[in-house]
């Protein structure tokens, strides 16, 4: 069994910062790519940022220069540092982990954490 859990959401004013974290736990061999997605009300889920096990990163154009993704392989944890937040960043943020377990390789999703940017 693999569990993916996100932490760190909340309410922040425009221009503020938040740091999200996501950890994979359970019985598995290794985590590969770990990604952050978000879904705003009435919109499709979109990729925000991703990071490979080796540390290569990619970002949505809308967050480049404001968000930074990083990971700690020893802790099977990925982070998303979000700076200069805007109201348009308001969404539920989800973590996805590509995990190789005894059952094979598959994507596992967290339950999501709400980020609200409002004055």
Protein backbone atom coordinates (compact mmCIF):
# COMPACT_ATOMS: atom_id res chain seq x y z
CA UNK A 1 0.00 0.00 0.00
CA UNK A 2 1.20 3.47 -0.90
CA UNK A 3 -0.15 6.67 0.64
CA UNK A 4 0.46 10.19 -0.58
CA UNK A 5 -0.36 13.08 1.75
CA UNK A 6 -0.07 16.83 1.23
CA UNK A 7 0.45 19.47 3.93
CA UNK A 8 0.72 23.22 4.11
CA UNK A 9 -2.29 24.79 2.45
CA UNK A 10 -4.13 27.73 3.89
CA UNK A 11 -5.28 31.31 3.47
CA UNK A 12 -2.74 33.93 2.45
CA UNK A 13 -2.90 37.52 1.25
CA UNK A 14 -1.84 38.48 -2.28
CA UNK A 15 1.93 38.79 -2.42
CA UNK A 16 2.38 36.32 0.40
CA UNK A 17 4.08 32.93 0.49
CA UNK A 18 3.20 29.36 1.35
CA UNK A 19 5.19 26.13 1.35
CA UNK A 20 3.46 22.89 0.49
CA UNK A 21 4.91 19.49 1.22
CA UNK A 22 3.93 16.02 0.09
CA UNK A 23 5.18 12.70 1.34
CA UNK A 24 4.81 9.18 0.01
CA UNK A 25 4.70 6.42 2.60
CA UNK A 26 4.00 2.72 2.81
CA UNK A 27 5.68 -0.27 1.24
CA UNK A 28 7.45 0.49 -2.01
CA UNK A 29 10.86 0.39 -3.65
CA UNK A 30 11.36 3.88 -5.07
CA UNK A 31 9.65 7.09 -6.07
CA UNK A 32 10.31 8.52 -9.51
CA UNK A 33 8.80 11.80 -10.72
CA UNK A 34 6.76 13.80 -8.21
CA UNK A 35 4.44 16.52 -9.47
CA UNK A 36 2.16 19.24 -8.17
CA UNK A 37 -1.18 19.86 -9.86
CA UNK A 38 -3.96 22.27 -9.01
CA UNK A 39 -7.65 22.55 -9.75
CA UNK A 40 -9.65 25.72 -9.38
CA UNK A 41 -13.46 25.68 -9.20
CA UNK A 42 -14.94 25.10 -12.63
CA UNK A 43 -11.57 24.48 -14.23
CA UNK A 44 -9.60 21.41 -15.28
CA UNK A 45 -6.77 20.10 -13.19
CA UNK A 46 -3.46 21.49 -14.45
CA UNK A 47 0.20 20.69 -13.93
CA UNK A 48 1.93 23.32 -11.80
CA UNK A 49 5.41 21.87 -11.42
CA UNK A 50 7.22 18.58 -11.64
CA UNK A 51 10.56 17.15 -10.55
CA UNK A 52 12.35 13.96 -11.52
CA UNK A 53 14.25 11.81 -9.08
CA UNK A 54 17.43 13.31 -10.46
CA UNK A 55 16.23 16.84 -9.80
CA UNK A 56 15.19 18.05 -13.24
CA UNK A 57 12.27 20.44 -12.96
CA UNK A 58 9.53 21.89 -15.12
CA UNK A 59 6.96 24.59 -14.41
CA UNK A 60 3.76 25.96 -15.82
CA UNK A 61 4.36 29.34 -17.45
CA UNK A 62 1.96 30.97 -14.99
CA UNK A 63 4.16 30.12 -12.00
CA UNK A 64 7.69 30.44 -13.42
CA UNK A 65 9.80 32.75 -11.30
CA UNK A 66 7.37 32.55 -8.36
CA UNK A 67 7.18 28.85 -7.46
CA UNK A 68 10.07 26.48 -6.73
CA UNK A 69 9.76 22.71 -6.56
CA UNK A 70 12.31 20.59 -4.69
CA UNK A 71 12.52 17.12 -3.20
CA UNK A 72 14.22 15.01 -0.57
CA UNK A 73 14.63 11.50 -1.94
CA UNK A 74 15.60 10.07 1.45
CA UNK A 75 12.26 11.24 2.84
CA UNK A 76 10.22 10.55 -0.32
CA UNK A 77 9.01 14.12 0.01
CA UNK A 78 8.44 16.91 -2.49
CA UNK A 79 8.04 20.58 -1.66
CA UNK A 80 6.48 23.53 -3.44
CA UNK A 81 7.61 26.95 -2.32
CA UNK A 82 5.09 29.50 -3.55
CA UNK A 83 6.03 33.18 -3.45
CA UNK A 84 4.26 36.32 -4.63
CA UNK A 85 0.95 34.49 -4.60
CA UNK A 86 -1.91 35.87 -6.64
CA UNK A 87 -5.68 35.38 -6.37
CA UNK A 88 -5.45 33.30 -9.56
CA UNK A 89 -3.37 30.76 -7.63
CA UNK A 90 -6.38 29.87 -5.52
CA UNK A 91 -7.09 26.17 -6.02
CA UNK A 92 -6.88 22.75 -4.47
CA UNK A 93 -3.31 21.57 -4.89
CA UNK A 94 -2.67 17.88 -5.48
CA UNK A 95 0.51 15.86 -5.35
CA UNK A 96 1.15 12.96 -7.69
CA UNK A 97 3.93 10.44 -7.13
CA UNK A 98 5.19 7.89 -9.65
CA UNK A 99 5.96 4.94 -7.39
CA UNK A 100 7.40 1.49 -7.98
CA UNK A 101 6.00 -0.94 -5.44
CA UNK A 102 5.73 -4.70 -5.25
CA UNK A 103 2.59 -4.42 -7.38
CA UNK A 104 4.43 -2.59 -10.13
CA UNK A 105 4.80 1.02 -11.15
CA UNK A 106 1.85 3.41 -10.84
CA UNK A 107 0.81 6.99 -10.11
CA UNK A 108 -0.56 7.76 -6.66
CA UNK A 109 -2.46 10.94 -5.81
CA UNK A 110 -2.90 12.77 -2.55
CA UNK A 111 -6.22 14.04 -1.27
CA UNK A 112 -5.39 17.67 -2.01
CA UNK A 113 -4.81 20.77 0.09
CA UNK A 114 -6.68 24.05 -0.32
CA UNK A 115 -4.73 27.22 -1.10
CA UNK A 116 -6.72 30.45 -0.98
CA UNK A 117 -5.17 33.78 -1.93
CA UNK A 118 -7.37 36.64 -0.85
CA UNK A 119 -7.26 39.95 0.97
